[in-house]
Each structure stands twice: as structure tokens, then as C-alpha cells.
Amino acid sequence: PALKVIDDVRAPVSLLTRPEYNRLAHAFSHIFAGGYAAGYYSYKWAEVLAADAFSAFEEAGIFDAATASRFRSEILEVGGCRDIMGSDIAFRGRRPTF
């Protein structure tokens, strides 16, 4: 039943058909089997930060020099020297949103 649900969800959006032998839904246990879950969800948080940062460019114009300069100075140049939330707030002027 689980594979049928996955196939039904994939059907209208997937570019590739799942091979019959693929049982990923039954094999994705590493997220539950020993400490990986927090790391996995950090990817999701990174996606939120990236999307929020990109929205600054959408709001100001994709090639806006001032936004690009602020991104460079507040995110890229400080790197890991500052907590990422502090860098994000410095860049966006607020906490990230979805």
C-alpha cells in the first residue's frame, strides 16, 4: 500500500518512473536509526534561510547592487564568525520567515 501511495503522488509530477525493484520508502530508516534526524532537518532550515535570502533579491530586483553588497558583507564575508541567525537578521533586517 505504501508504494502505491508514493506512486500515486509521483505520477503527475515525477520526470522518472520508479523502477519496480526500488523500495526506498522501506529503506529510509537511517533518519530514525541513530542521530541523523537533527542533521537532516538542518537541511530544511538551510532551505528556509536560502529562500528568505533570495526573496530579498526578488523584492529589490535580482541584480540590485545594494542587496548583493549587503549579502556579501553580512553573510559571505563573516562566514562562521557570527551565528547564522545574527547574520541573517543583519542581512534581512528581521528574522527569517517562510
Protein backbone atom coordinates (compact mmCIF):
# COMPACT_ATOMS: atom_id res chain seq x y z
CA PRO A 1 0.00 0.00 0.00
CA ALA A 2 2.80 2.48 0.83
CA LEU A 3 4.38 2.12 -2.59
CA LYS A 4 1.02 2.67 -4.29
CA VAL A 5 0.56 5.93 -2.38
CA ILE A 6 4.05 7.06 -3.34
CA ASP A 7 3.45 6.11 -6.98
CA ASP A 8 0.10 7.96 -6.99
CA VAL A 9 1.75 11.10 -5.59
CA ARG A 10 4.68 10.92 -8.00
CA ALA A 11 2.62 10.19 -11.12
CA PRO A 12 1.62 13.78 -12.02
CA VAL A 13 4.94 15.42 -11.08
CA SER A 14 7.83 12.99 -11.47
CA LEU A 15 10.02 13.03 -14.54
CA LEU A 16 11.13 9.44 -13.95
CA THR A 17 9.16 6.29 -13.27
CA ARG A 18 10.22 4.40 -10.15
CA PRO A 19 11.71 1.02 -11.05
CA GLU A 20 9.77 -1.91 -9.61
CA TYR A 21 12.79 -3.04 -7.56
CA ASN A 22 13.13 0.35 -5.81
CA ARG A 23 11.93 0.16 -2.22
CA LEU A 24 13.31 3.47 -0.90
CA ALA A 25 10.22 4.03 1.23
CA HIS A 26 11.12 0.85 3.12
CA ALA A 27 14.84 1.66 3.33
CA PHE A 28 14.92 5.26 4.54
CA SER A 29 15.46 4.15 8.13
CA HIS A 30 18.75 5.98 8.69
CA ILE A 31 16.83 9.10 9.70
CA PHE A 32 15.32 7.16 12.60
CA ALA A 33 18.18 4.82 13.40
CA GLY A 34 20.65 6.88 15.32
CA GLY A 35 21.04 10.60 15.45
CA TYR A 36 20.74 11.65 11.82
CA ALA A 37 17.33 13.29 12.11
CA ALA A 38 18.62 16.57 13.53
CA GLY A 39 21.16 16.80 10.73
CA TYR A 40 18.51 16.05 8.14
CA TYR A 41 16.22 18.78 9.40
CA SER A 42 19.10 21.25 9.34
CA TYR A 43 18.90 20.90 5.55
CA LYS A 44 15.31 22.07 5.74
CA TRP A 45 16.33 25.05 7.86
CA ALA A 46 19.04 25.89 5.31
CA GLU A 47 16.37 25.87 2.60
CA VAL A 48 14.28 28.32 4.62
CA LEU A 49 17.26 30.66 5.03
CA ALA A 50 18.18 30.40 1.35
CA ALA A 51 14.63 31.08 0.17
CA ASP A 52 14.29 34.01 2.55
CA ALA A 53 17.61 35.47 1.38
CA PHE A 54 16.59 35.05 -2.25
CA SER A 55 13.33 36.86 -1.55
CA ALA A 56 15.39 39.95 -0.65
CA PHE A 57 16.67 39.92 -4.24
CA GLU A 58 13.18 39.36 -5.61
CA GLU A 59 11.92 42.35 -3.62
CA ALA A 60 14.75 44.71 -4.61
CA GLY A 61 15.48 43.33 -8.06
CA ILE A 62 17.58 40.28 -8.85
CA PHE A 63 20.59 42.38 -9.89
CA ASP A 64 20.27 45.05 -7.19
CA ALA A 65 23.83 46.04 -6.26
CA ALA A 66 22.97 47.25 -2.74
CA THR A 67 21.27 43.96 -1.85
CA ALA A 68 24.17 41.98 -3.30
CA SER A 69 26.66 44.08 -1.34
CA ARG A 70 24.68 43.59 1.88
CA PHE A 71 24.52 39.84 1.25
CA ARG A 72 28.26 39.71 0.65
CA SER A 73 29.14 41.75 3.75
CA GLU A 74 26.59 40.28 6.19
CA ILE A 75 26.53 36.62 5.08
CA LEU A 76 29.53 35.66 2.97
CA GLU A 77 32.29 37.78 4.50
CA VAL A 78 31.51 36.92 8.13
CA GLY A 79 31.18 33.20 7.40
CA GLY A 80 31.19 31.20 10.62
CA CYS A 81 32.47 34.09 12.75
CA ARG A 82 28.92 35.02 13.73
CA ASP A 83 25.85 32.94 14.49
CA ILE A 84 23.91 32.41 11.25
CA MET A 85 20.74 33.88 12.78
CA GLY A 86 22.65 37.08 13.57
CA SER A 87 23.98 37.19 10.03
CA ASP A 88 20.55 36.58 8.57
CA ILE A 89 18.98 39.31 10.69
CA ALA A 90 21.79 41.69 9.72
CA PHE A 91 21.14 40.95 6.04
CA ARG A 92 17.33 40.95 6.03
CA GLY A 93 16.69 43.35 8.90
CA ARG A 94 14.38 40.77 10.52
CA ARG A 95 14.18 37.13 11.45
CA PRO A 96 13.64 34.70 8.54
CA THR A 97 10.11 33.82 7.53
CA PHE A 98 8.65 31.03 5.45
